[in-house]
Amino acid sequence: MRPRPPPVISTRMRVAPASRLFSTSSLTTLAGFSITSPAAIWLMVLSERIRMVEDMCVVIIELVIFFFLLYSYRKKKRRMSG
């Protein structure tokens, strides 16, 4: 028995409407500025760092409140027992 050659397969590629829109928009915002420009990337990184600092501040404030309440509770407990 002789092996057969593989069947001929033709593949056609079409550009999807969304990808066409993506490539023609060239990554621009409504204001017309490119979001891949160094200034835009720097702005996004900076805003993310600001958000991270804000989150850290919230955690620090919560810890300060927790330890203040813990200290107050222990002080009150000592006063009651002594």
C-alpha atoms as a PDB file:
ATOM      1  CA  MET A   1       0.000   0.000   0.000  1.00  0.00           C
ATOM      2  CA  ARG A   2       1.372   3.344  -1.034  1.00  0.00           C
ATOM      3  CA  PRO A   3       1.046   6.315   1.390  1.00  0.00           C
ATOM      4  CA  ARG A   4      -1.014   9.150   0.067  1.00  0.00           C
ATOM      5  CA  PRO A   5       0.234  12.711   0.084  1.00  0.00           C
ATOM      6  CA  PRO A   6      -1.525  15.001   2.529  1.00  0.00           C
ATOM      7  CA  PRO A   7      -4.567  16.777   1.156  1.00  0.00           C
ATOM      8  CA  VAL A   8      -4.080  20.298  -0.080  1.00  0.00           C
ATOM      9  CA  ILE A   9      -5.281  22.762   2.490  1.00  0.00           C
ATOM     10  CA  SER A  10      -5.666  26.390   1.655  1.00  0.00           C
ATOM     11  CA  THR A  11      -5.911  28.902   4.432  1.00  0.00           C
ATOM     12  CA  ARG A  12      -7.373  32.302   3.863  1.00  0.00           C
ATOM     13  CA  MET A  13      -6.916  35.053   6.383  1.00  0.00           C
ATOM     14  CA  ARG A  14      -9.259  37.955   6.704  1.00  0.00           C
ATOM     15  CA  VAL A  15      -8.695  41.029   8.794  1.00  0.00           C
ATOM     16  CA  ALA A  16     -11.371  41.230  11.438  1.00  0.00           C
ATOM     17  CA  PRO A  17     -13.191  44.565  11.739  1.00  0.00           C
ATOM     18  CA  ALA A  18     -11.961  45.067  15.312  1.00  0.00           C
ATOM     19  CA  SER A  19      -8.313  44.521  14.431  1.00  0.00           C
ATOM     20  CA  ARG A  20      -8.653  46.814  11.435  1.00  0.00           C
ATOM     21  CA  LEU A  21     -10.071  49.494  13.701  1.00  0.00           C
ATOM     22  CA  PHE A  22      -7.276  48.878  16.203  1.00  0.00           C
ATOM     23  CA  SER A  23      -4.558  49.286  13.580  1.00  0.00           C
ATOM     24  CA  THR A  24      -6.116  52.400  12.064  1.00  0.00           C
ATOM     25  CA  SER A  25      -6.616  54.041  15.447  1.00  0.00           C
ATOM     26  CA  SER A  26      -2.862  53.758  16.046  1.00  0.00           C
ATOM     27  CA  LEU A  27      -3.503  53.557  19.766  1.00  0.00           C
ATOM     28  CA  THR A  28      -4.881  57.059  20.075  1.00  0.00           C
ATOM     29  CA  THR A  29      -7.325  58.367  22.617  1.00  0.00           C
ATOM     30  CA  LEU A  30     -10.302  60.568  21.918  1.00  0.00           C
ATOM     31  CA  ALA A  31      -8.135  63.611  22.522  1.00  0.00           C
ATOM     32  CA  GLY A  32      -5.879  62.521  19.680  1.00  0.00           C
ATOM     33  CA  PHE A  33      -2.786  61.730  21.731  1.00  0.00           C
ATOM     34  CA  SER A  34      -0.981  58.448  21.323  1.00  0.00           C
ATOM     35  CA  ILE A  35      -1.144  56.311  24.466  1.00  0.00           C
ATOM     36  CA  THR A  36       2.153  54.685  23.522  1.00  0.00           C
ATOM     37  CA  SER A  37       4.120  57.929  23.614  1.00  0.00           C
ATOM     38  CA  PRO A  38       6.820  58.155  26.282  1.00  0.00           C
ATOM     39  CA  ALA A  39       4.938  60.965  28.008  1.00  0.00           C
ATOM     40  CA  ALA A  40       1.721  58.930  28.167  1.00  0.00           C
ATOM     41  CA  ILE A  41       3.552  55.847  29.456  1.00  0.00           C
ATOM     42  CA  TRP A  42       5.320  57.985  32.079  1.00  0.00           C
ATOM     43  CA  LEU A  43       1.977  59.479  33.120  1.00  0.00           C
ATOM     44  CA  MET A  44       0.402  56.011  33.492  1.00  0.00           C
ATOM     45  CA  VAL A  45       3.363  54.751  35.550  1.00  0.00           C
ATOM     46  CA  LEU A  46       3.273  57.857  37.729  1.00  0.00           C
ATOM     47  CA  SER A  47      -0.474  57.585  38.338  1.00  0.00           C
ATOM     48  CA  GLU A  48      -0.078  53.912  39.257  1.00  0.00           C
ATOM     49  CA  ARG A  49       2.676  54.789  41.734  1.00  0.00           C
ATOM     50  CA  ILE A  50       0.474  57.495  43.246  1.00  0.00           C
ATOM     51  CA  ARG A  51      -2.315  54.928  43.676  1.00  0.00           C
ATOM     52  CA  MET A  52       0.123  52.540  45.345  1.00  0.00           C
ATOM     53  CA  VAL A  53       1.299  55.268  47.754  1.00  0.00           C
ATOM     54  CA  GLU A  54      -2.321  56.142  48.557  1.00  0.00           C
ATOM     55  CA  ASP A  55      -3.023  52.469  49.319  1.00  0.00           C
ATOM     56  CA  MET A  56       0.052  52.301  51.549  1.00  0.00           C
ATOM     57  CA  CYS A  57      -1.083  55.437  53.408  1.00  0.00           C
ATOM     58  CA  VAL A  58      -4.478  53.864  54.053  1.00  0.00           C
ATOM     59  CA  VAL A  59      -2.811  50.747  55.459  1.00  0.00           C
ATOM     60  CA  ILE A  60      -0.516  52.836  57.680  1.00  0.00           C
ATOM     61  CA  ILE A  61      -3.453  54.872  58.995  1.00  0.00           C
ATOM     62  CA  GLU A  62      -5.392  51.686  59.731  1.00  0.00           C
ATOM     63  CA  LEU A  63      -2.396  50.260  61.607  1.00  0.00           C
ATOM     64  CA  VAL A  64      -1.999  53.449  63.657  1.00  0.00           C
ATOM     65  CA  ILE A  65      -5.699  53.342  64.576  1.00  0.00           C
ATOM     66  CA  PHE A  66      -5.451  49.646  65.464  1.00  0.00           C
ATOM     67  CA  PHE A  67      -2.448  50.127  67.748  1.00  0.00           C
ATOM     68  CA  PHE A  68      -3.991  53.216  69.347  1.00  0.00           C
ATOM     69  CA  LEU A  69      -7.161  51.241  70.151  1.00  0.00           C
ATOM     70  CA  LEU A  70      -5.108  48.322  71.414  1.00  0.00           C
ATOM     71  CA  TYR A  71      -3.084  50.652  73.661  1.00  0.00           C
ATOM     72  CA  SER A  72      -6.267  52.330  74.956  1.00  0.00           C
ATOM     73  CA  TYR A  73      -7.867  48.966  75.669  1.00  0.00           C
ATOM     74  CA  ARG A  74      -4.849  47.697  77.609  1.00  0.00           C
ATOM     75  CA  LYS A  75      -4.553  50.961  79.541  1.00  0.00           C
ATOM     76  CA  LYS A  76      -8.230  50.815  80.471  1.00  0.00           C
ATOM     77  CA  LYS A  77      -7.916  47.137  81.452  1.00  0.00           C
ATOM     78  CA  ARG A  78      -4.917  47.928  83.705  1.00  0.00           C
ATOM     79  CA  ARG A  79      -6.804  50.776  85.359  1.00  0.00           C
ATOM     80  CA  MET A  80      -9.784  48.518  86.097  1.00  0.00           C
ATOM     81  CA  SER A  81      -7.677  45.732  87.581  1.00  0.00           C
ATOM     82  CA  GLY A  82      -5.377  47.914  89.624  1.00  0.00           C
END
